[in-house]
C-alpha atoms as a PDB file:
ATOM      1  CA  MET A   1      -0.614   0.095  -0.073  1.00  0.00           C
ATOM      2  CA  SER A   2       0.988   3.492  -1.000  1.00  0.00           C
ATOM      3  CA  ASP A   3       2.412   6.116   1.533  1.00  0.00           C
ATOM      4  CA  THR A   4      -1.168   7.890   1.359  1.00  0.00           C
ATOM      5  CA  PRO A   5      -3.642   5.745   0.564  1.00  0.00           C
ATOM      6  CA  TRP A   6      -6.266   8.607   0.941  1.00  0.00           C
ATOM      7  CA  THR A   7      -7.139  11.141  -0.986  1.00  0.00           C
ATOM      8  CA  PRO A   8      -4.921  13.762  -1.166  1.00  0.00           C
ATOM      9  CA  GLY A   9      -5.757  17.754  -0.098  1.00  0.00           C
ATOM     10  CA  PRO A  10      -7.073  20.383  -0.181  1.00  0.00           C
ATOM     11  CA  ILE A  11     -10.964  18.999   0.475  1.00  0.00           C
ATOM     12  CA  SER A  12     -13.323  21.270   0.708  1.00  0.00           C
ATOM     13  CA  VAL A  13     -16.534  21.481   3.105  1.00  0.00           C
ATOM     14  CA  ARG A  14     -20.492  22.714   1.314  1.00  0.00           C
ATOM     15  CA  LYS A  15     -23.496  22.781   2.674  1.00  0.00           C
ATOM     16  CA  CYS A  16     -25.485  20.367   1.290  1.00  0.00           C
ATOM     17  CA  PRO A  17     -27.219  22.053  -2.041  1.00  0.00           C
ATOM     18  CA  CYS A  18     -31.072  20.485  -1.111  1.00  0.00           C
ATOM     19  CA  GLY A  19     -31.927  23.701  -0.379  1.00  0.00           C
ATOM     20  CA  HIS A  20     -33.545  22.945   2.385  1.00  0.00           C
ATOM     21  CA  ARG A  21     -33.452  25.237   5.644  1.00  0.00           C
ATOM     22  CA  ALA A  22     -33.892  21.993   8.048  1.00  0.00           C
ATOM     23  CA  CYS A  23     -31.258  20.166   5.993  1.00  0.00           C
ATOM     24  CA  SER A  24     -27.784  20.289   8.194  1.00  0.00           C
ATOM     25  CA  GLN A  25     -26.172  17.826   5.840  1.00  0.00           C
ATOM     26  CA  TYR A  26     -22.940  18.803   4.356  1.00  0.00           C
ATOM     27  CA  THR A  27     -20.543  17.775   1.663  1.00  0.00           C
ATOM     28  CA  ILE A  28     -17.209  17.618   0.604  1.00  0.00           C
ATOM     29  CA  SER A  29     -15.409  17.750  -2.234  1.00  0.00           C
ATOM     30  CA  THR A  30     -14.438  13.842  -3.054  1.00  0.00           C
ATOM     31  CA  GLN A  31     -17.767  13.153  -1.876  1.00  0.00           C
ATOM     32  CA  GLY A  32     -20.720  13.953  -4.544  1.00  0.00           C
ATOM     33  CA  SER A  33     -23.569  13.069  -2.011  1.00  0.00           C
ATOM     34  CA  ALA A  34     -24.558  14.707   1.292  1.00  0.00           C
ATOM     35  CA  GLY A  35     -24.494  12.743   4.240  1.00  0.00           C
ATOM     36  CA  PHE A  36     -21.679  14.366   6.629  1.00  0.00           C
ATOM     37  CA  GLY A  37     -22.589  16.283   9.924  1.00  0.00           C
ATOM     38  CA  LEU A  38     -20.255  19.639  10.028  1.00  0.00           C
ATOM     39  CA  ALA A  39     -17.874  17.703  12.449  1.00  0.00           C
ATOM     40  CA  ASP A  40     -17.437  14.747  10.805  1.00  0.00           C
ATOM     41  CA  ALA A  41     -16.986  16.669   7.408  1.00  0.00           C
ATOM     42  CA  MET A  42     -14.701  19.185   8.924  1.00  0.00           C
ATOM     43  CA  LEU A  43     -12.217  16.638  10.934  1.00  0.00           C
ATOM     44  CA  TYR A  44     -12.201  14.652   7.423  1.00  0.00           C
ATOM     45  CA  ALA A  45     -11.450  17.269   5.206  1.00  0.00           C
ATOM     46  CA  ALA A  46      -8.407  18.116   7.712  1.00  0.00           C
ATOM     47  CA  ALA A  47      -7.180  14.841   7.489  1.00  0.00           C
ATOM     48  CA  PRO A  48      -4.885  14.970   4.928  1.00  0.00           C
ATOM     49  CA  ASP A  49      -3.115  17.900   6.498  1.00  0.00           C
ATOM     50  CA  MET A  50      -3.452  16.320   9.913  1.00  0.00           C
ATOM     51  CA  ALA A  51      -1.866  12.612   8.768  1.00  0.00           C
ATOM     52  CA  GLU A  52       1.300  14.639   6.552  1.00  0.00           C
ATOM     53  CA  ALA A  53       1.610  17.315   9.674  1.00  0.00           C
ATOM     54  CA  LEU A  54       2.264  13.947  12.175  1.00  0.00           C
ATOM     55  CA  LYS A  55       4.597  12.362   9.462  1.00  0.00           C
ATOM     56  CA  ASN A  56       6.889  15.806   9.596  1.00  0.00           C
ATOM     57  CA  LEU A  57       6.371  16.167  13.741  1.00  0.00           C
ATOM     58  CA  ILE A  58       7.968  12.082  13.823  1.00  0.00           C
ATOM     59  CA  ALA A  59      10.188  12.846  11.387  1.00  0.00           C
ATOM     60  CA  ARG A  60      11.638  16.017  13.663  1.00  0.00           C
ATOM     61  CA  TYR A  61      11.144  14.060  16.841  1.00  0.00           C
ATOM     62  CA  VAL A  62      13.075  11.065  15.498  1.00  0.00           C
ATOM     63  CA  GLU A  63      15.540  13.423  14.540  1.00  0.00           C
ATOM     64  CA  VAL A  64      16.161  15.201  17.633  1.00  0.00           C
ATOM     65  CA  VAL A  65      16.604  12.252  19.947  1.00  0.00           C
ATOM     66  CA  THR A  66      19.061  10.685  17.956  1.00  0.00           C
ATOM     67  CA  THR A  67      21.696  13.518  18.686  1.00  0.00           C
ATOM     68  CA  PRO A  68      24.442  12.968  21.453  1.00  0.00           C
ATOM     69  CA  ASP A  69      23.003  15.028  23.834  1.00  0.00           C
ATOM     70  CA  CYS A  70      19.675  13.707  23.946  1.00  0.00           C
ATOM     71  CA  SER A  71      18.448  10.903  26.555  1.00  0.00           C
ATOM     72  CA  CYS A  72      15.516  10.346  24.953  1.00  0.00           C
ATOM     73  CA  SER A  73      14.739   7.103  23.073  1.00  0.00           C
ATOM     74  CA  PRO A  74      12.202   7.366  19.061  1.00  0.00           C
ATOM     75  CA  ASP A  75      10.451   4.697  20.328  1.00  0.00           C
ATOM     76  CA  ASP A  76       8.815   6.991  23.168  1.00  0.00           C
ATOM     77  CA  TYR A  77       5.154   5.737  23.914  1.00  0.00           C
ATOM     78  CA  ASP A  78       4.280   8.644  21.994  1.00  0.00           C
ATOM     79  CA  VAL A  79       5.709   8.838  19.098  1.00  0.00           C
ATOM     80  CA  ALA A  80       4.685   4.623  18.852  1.00  0.00           C
ATOM     81  CA  LYS A  81       1.142   5.831  18.897  1.00  0.00           C
ATOM     82  CA  ALA A  82       1.794   8.379  16.273  1.00  0.00           C
ATOM     83  CA  ARG A  83       3.046   5.649  13.913  1.00  0.00           C
ATOM     84  CA  ALA A  84       0.385   3.374  15.230  1.00  0.00           C
ATOM     85  CA  VAL A  85      -2.308   6.152  13.934  1.00  0.00           C
ATOM     86  CA  LEU A  86      -0.765   6.392  10.642  1.00  0.00           C
ATOM     87  CA  ALA A  87      -0.614   2.568   9.723  1.00  0.00           C
ATOM     88  CA  LYS A  88      -4.233   2.871  10.640  1.00  0.00           C
ATOM     89  CA  ALA A  89      -5.059   5.580   8.560  1.00  0.00           C
ATOM     90  CA  ARG A  90      -3.138   3.344   5.711  1.00  0.00           C
ATOM     91  CA  GLY A  91      -5.091   0.696   6.493  1.00  0.00           C
ATOM     92  CA  GLN A  92      -1.934  -1.255   7.823  1.00  0.00           C
ATOM     93  CA  ALA A  93      -3.056  -1.837  11.428  1.00  0.00           C
END
């Protein structure tokens, strides 16, 4: 599986185009139909950016902790958890 199997950003969120005042559904640019609540749509739209940021933070953390004067380990719990989250997003967990 590729490193980024998900839809790359940017992903936009729009109010459902149905025109009903009571409708509280949203569409996302990669999904042709409505069906998302606003919070879910916003999370979906932010997912590619969050994954990229997490990947960069892991790389930076590993770079810092491998310096001779650092007593941390690149296998610390938070880094392991971050790697597990990215693996889950890739379908590897």
